[in-house]
N, C-alpha and C. Protein backbone atom coordinates (compact mmCIF):
# COMPACT_ATOMS: atom_id res chain seq x y z
N MET A 1 -0.22 -35.20 4.14
CA MET A 1 -1.61 -34.85 4.14
C MET A 1 -2.16 -35.04 2.73
N ASP A 2 -3.33 -35.61 2.66
CA ASP A 2 -3.95 -35.81 1.36
C ASP A 2 -4.87 -34.64 1.03
N ASP A 3 -5.47 -34.68 -0.15
CA ASP A 3 -6.33 -33.57 -0.58
C ASP A 3 -7.55 -33.40 0.32
N ALA A 4 -8.08 -34.49 0.82
CA ALA A 4 -9.25 -34.41 1.71
C ALA A 4 -8.87 -33.72 3.02
N GLY A 5 -7.71 -34.05 3.54
CA GLY A 5 -7.24 -33.42 4.77
C GLY A 5 -6.98 -31.93 4.57
N ALA A 6 -6.40 -31.58 3.43
CA ALA A 6 -6.15 -30.17 3.13
C ALA A 6 -7.46 -29.41 2.99
N ALA A 7 -8.43 -30.02 2.32
CA ALA A 7 -9.73 -29.36 2.14
C ALA A 7 -10.43 -29.17 3.48
N ALA A 8 -10.35 -30.15 4.35
CA ALA A 8 -10.97 -30.03 5.68
C ALA A 8 -10.30 -28.93 6.49
N ALA A 9 -8.98 -28.86 6.41
CA ALA A 9 -8.25 -27.81 7.14
C ALA A 9 -8.61 -26.44 6.60
N GLU A 10 -8.68 -26.30 5.29
CA GLU A 10 -9.05 -25.02 4.69
C GLU A 10 -10.45 -24.60 5.08
N ALA A 11 -11.37 -25.56 5.16
CA ALA A 11 -12.73 -25.25 5.58
C ALA A 11 -12.77 -24.75 7.02
N GLU A 12 -11.99 -25.36 7.89
CA GLU A 12 -11.92 -24.93 9.29
C GLU A 12 -11.31 -23.53 9.40
N ILE A 13 -10.28 -23.28 8.62
CA ILE A 13 -9.66 -21.95 8.63
C ILE A 13 -10.64 -20.90 8.15
N GLU A 14 -11.35 -21.20 7.08
CA GLU A 14 -12.35 -20.27 6.54
C GLU A 14 -13.45 -19.99 7.57
N LYS A 15 -13.90 -21.02 8.22
CA LYS A 15 -14.94 -20.89 9.25
C LYS A 15 -14.46 -19.99 10.40
N ALA A 16 -13.25 -20.22 10.85
CA ALA A 16 -12.68 -19.42 11.95
C ALA A 16 -12.45 -17.98 11.52
N THR A 17 -12.01 -17.80 10.29
CA THR A 17 -11.77 -16.45 9.77
C THR A 17 -13.06 -15.66 9.71
N LYS A 18 -14.11 -16.29 9.20
CA LYS A 18 -15.41 -15.61 9.11
C LYS A 18 -15.95 -15.29 10.49
N ALA A 19 -15.81 -16.21 11.42
CA ALA A 19 -16.30 -15.98 12.78
C ALA A 19 -15.54 -14.83 13.42
N ASN A 20 -14.24 -14.81 13.25
CA ASN A 20 -13.42 -13.76 13.84
C ASN A 20 -13.76 -12.40 13.21
N ALA A 21 -13.96 -12.37 11.90
CA ALA A 21 -14.27 -11.13 11.20
C ALA A 21 -15.62 -10.55 11.62
N SER A 22 -16.55 -11.42 11.96
CA SER A 22 -17.88 -10.95 12.35
C SER A 22 -17.99 -10.72 13.85
N GLY A 23 -16.88 -10.91 14.57
CA GLY A 23 -16.89 -10.66 16.00
C GLY A 23 -17.32 -11.84 16.85
N GLU A 24 -17.58 -12.97 16.20
CA GLU A 24 -17.95 -14.17 16.95
C GLU A 24 -16.70 -14.75 17.60
N GLU A 25 -16.93 -15.50 18.65
CA GLU A 25 -15.81 -16.16 19.31
C GLU A 25 -15.39 -17.39 18.50
N VAL A 26 -14.10 -17.54 18.32
CA VAL A 26 -13.56 -18.67 17.57
C VAL A 26 -13.24 -19.79 18.55
N ASP A 27 -13.66 -20.98 18.19
CA ASP A 27 -13.43 -22.15 19.03
C ASP A 27 -11.93 -22.44 19.15
N ASP A 28 -11.44 -22.58 20.37
CA ASP A 28 -10.02 -22.88 20.59
C ASP A 28 -9.63 -24.26 20.08
N ALA A 29 -10.60 -25.14 19.87
CA ALA A 29 -10.31 -26.51 19.42
C ALA A 29 -9.67 -26.53 18.04
N ILE A 30 -9.83 -25.48 17.27
CA ILE A 30 -9.24 -25.46 15.93
C ILE A 30 -7.72 -25.37 16.01
N ARG A 31 -7.18 -24.84 17.06
CA ARG A 31 -5.74 -24.65 17.16
C ARG A 31 -4.97 -25.97 17.16
N ILE A 32 -5.46 -26.95 17.85
CA ILE A 32 -4.72 -28.22 17.95
C ILE A 32 -4.59 -28.90 16.60
N PRO A 33 -5.67 -29.07 15.83
CA PRO A 33 -5.50 -29.70 14.52
C PRO A 33 -4.60 -28.89 13.59
N LEU A 34 -4.71 -27.56 13.63
CA LEU A 34 -3.87 -26.76 12.76
C LEU A 34 -2.41 -26.84 13.17
N GLU A 35 -2.14 -26.84 14.46
CA GLU A 35 -0.75 -26.99 14.90
C GLU A 35 -0.21 -28.35 14.47
N ALA A 36 -1.05 -29.36 14.53
CA ALA A 36 -0.62 -30.70 14.10
C ALA A 36 -0.33 -30.71 12.60
N LEU A 37 -1.13 -30.01 11.82
CA LEU A 37 -0.89 -29.94 10.38
C LEU A 37 0.37 -29.15 10.07
N VAL A 38 0.54 -28.03 10.74
CA VAL A 38 1.69 -27.18 10.48
C VAL A 38 2.99 -27.89 10.86
N GLY A 39 2.96 -28.62 11.96
CA GLY A 39 4.16 -29.28 12.43
C GLY A 39 4.31 -30.72 11.98
N ALA A 40 3.46 -31.16 11.07
CA ALA A 40 3.53 -32.55 10.60
C ALA A 40 4.88 -32.82 9.96
N PRO A 41 5.50 -33.95 10.28
CA PRO A 41 6.82 -34.26 9.73
C PRO A 41 6.87 -34.21 8.20
N GLU A 42 5.81 -34.65 7.54
CA GLU A 42 5.79 -34.63 6.08
C GLU A 42 5.86 -33.19 5.57
N ARG A 43 5.15 -32.29 6.23
CA ARG A 43 5.15 -30.89 5.82
C ARG A 43 6.52 -30.28 6.06
N ILE A 44 7.12 -30.57 7.20
CA ILE A 44 8.45 -30.04 7.51
C ILE A 44 9.46 -30.52 6.46
N ASP A 45 9.37 -31.79 6.08
CA ASP A 45 10.27 -32.34 5.06
C ASP A 45 10.10 -31.61 3.73
N ARG A 46 8.85 -31.44 3.31
CA ARG A 46 8.58 -30.75 2.03
C ARG A 46 9.06 -29.31 2.08
N LEU A 47 8.84 -28.65 3.22
CA LEU A 47 9.27 -27.27 3.37
C LEU A 47 10.79 -27.16 3.32
N ALA A 48 11.48 -28.09 3.96
CA ALA A 48 12.94 -28.09 3.94
C ALA A 48 13.47 -28.28 2.52
N VAL A 49 12.88 -29.20 1.78
CA VAL A 49 13.29 -29.43 0.39
C VAL A 49 13.05 -28.16 -0.43
N PHE A 50 11.90 -27.53 -0.25
CA PHE A 50 11.58 -26.31 -0.98
C PHE A 50 12.61 -25.21 -0.68
N ILE A 51 12.94 -25.04 0.58
CA ILE A 51 13.89 -23.98 0.97
C ILE A 51 15.27 -24.26 0.35
N VAL A 52 15.73 -25.48 0.43
CA VAL A 52 17.04 -25.82 -0.14
C VAL A 52 17.04 -25.60 -1.65
N GLU A 53 16.00 -26.07 -2.34
CA GLU A 53 15.94 -25.88 -3.80
C GLU A 53 15.89 -24.41 -4.16
N HIS A 54 15.11 -23.65 -3.41
CA HIS A 54 14.99 -22.21 -3.68
C HIS A 54 16.34 -21.53 -3.45
N TRP A 55 17.00 -21.87 -2.35
CA TRP A 55 18.29 -21.27 -2.01
C TRP A 55 19.34 -21.59 -3.07
N GLU A 56 19.33 -22.83 -3.56
CA GLU A 56 20.31 -23.23 -4.56
C GLU A 56 20.10 -22.52 -5.90
N LYS A 57 18.87 -22.13 -6.21
CA LYS A 57 18.60 -21.41 -7.46
C LYS A 57 19.18 -20.01 -7.34
């Protein structure tokens, strides 16, 4: 994910958080892009490297 993709995801999360906090209904469509970001192979690879490096320290 590039910086633009991260910024767009953060904006969507912020929007959903504000809507939820004010009692508005949050659009279910946000779940699919976020699940795709969370489960992206690049992210999983980076997370695995981070965990191994942290564990080895």
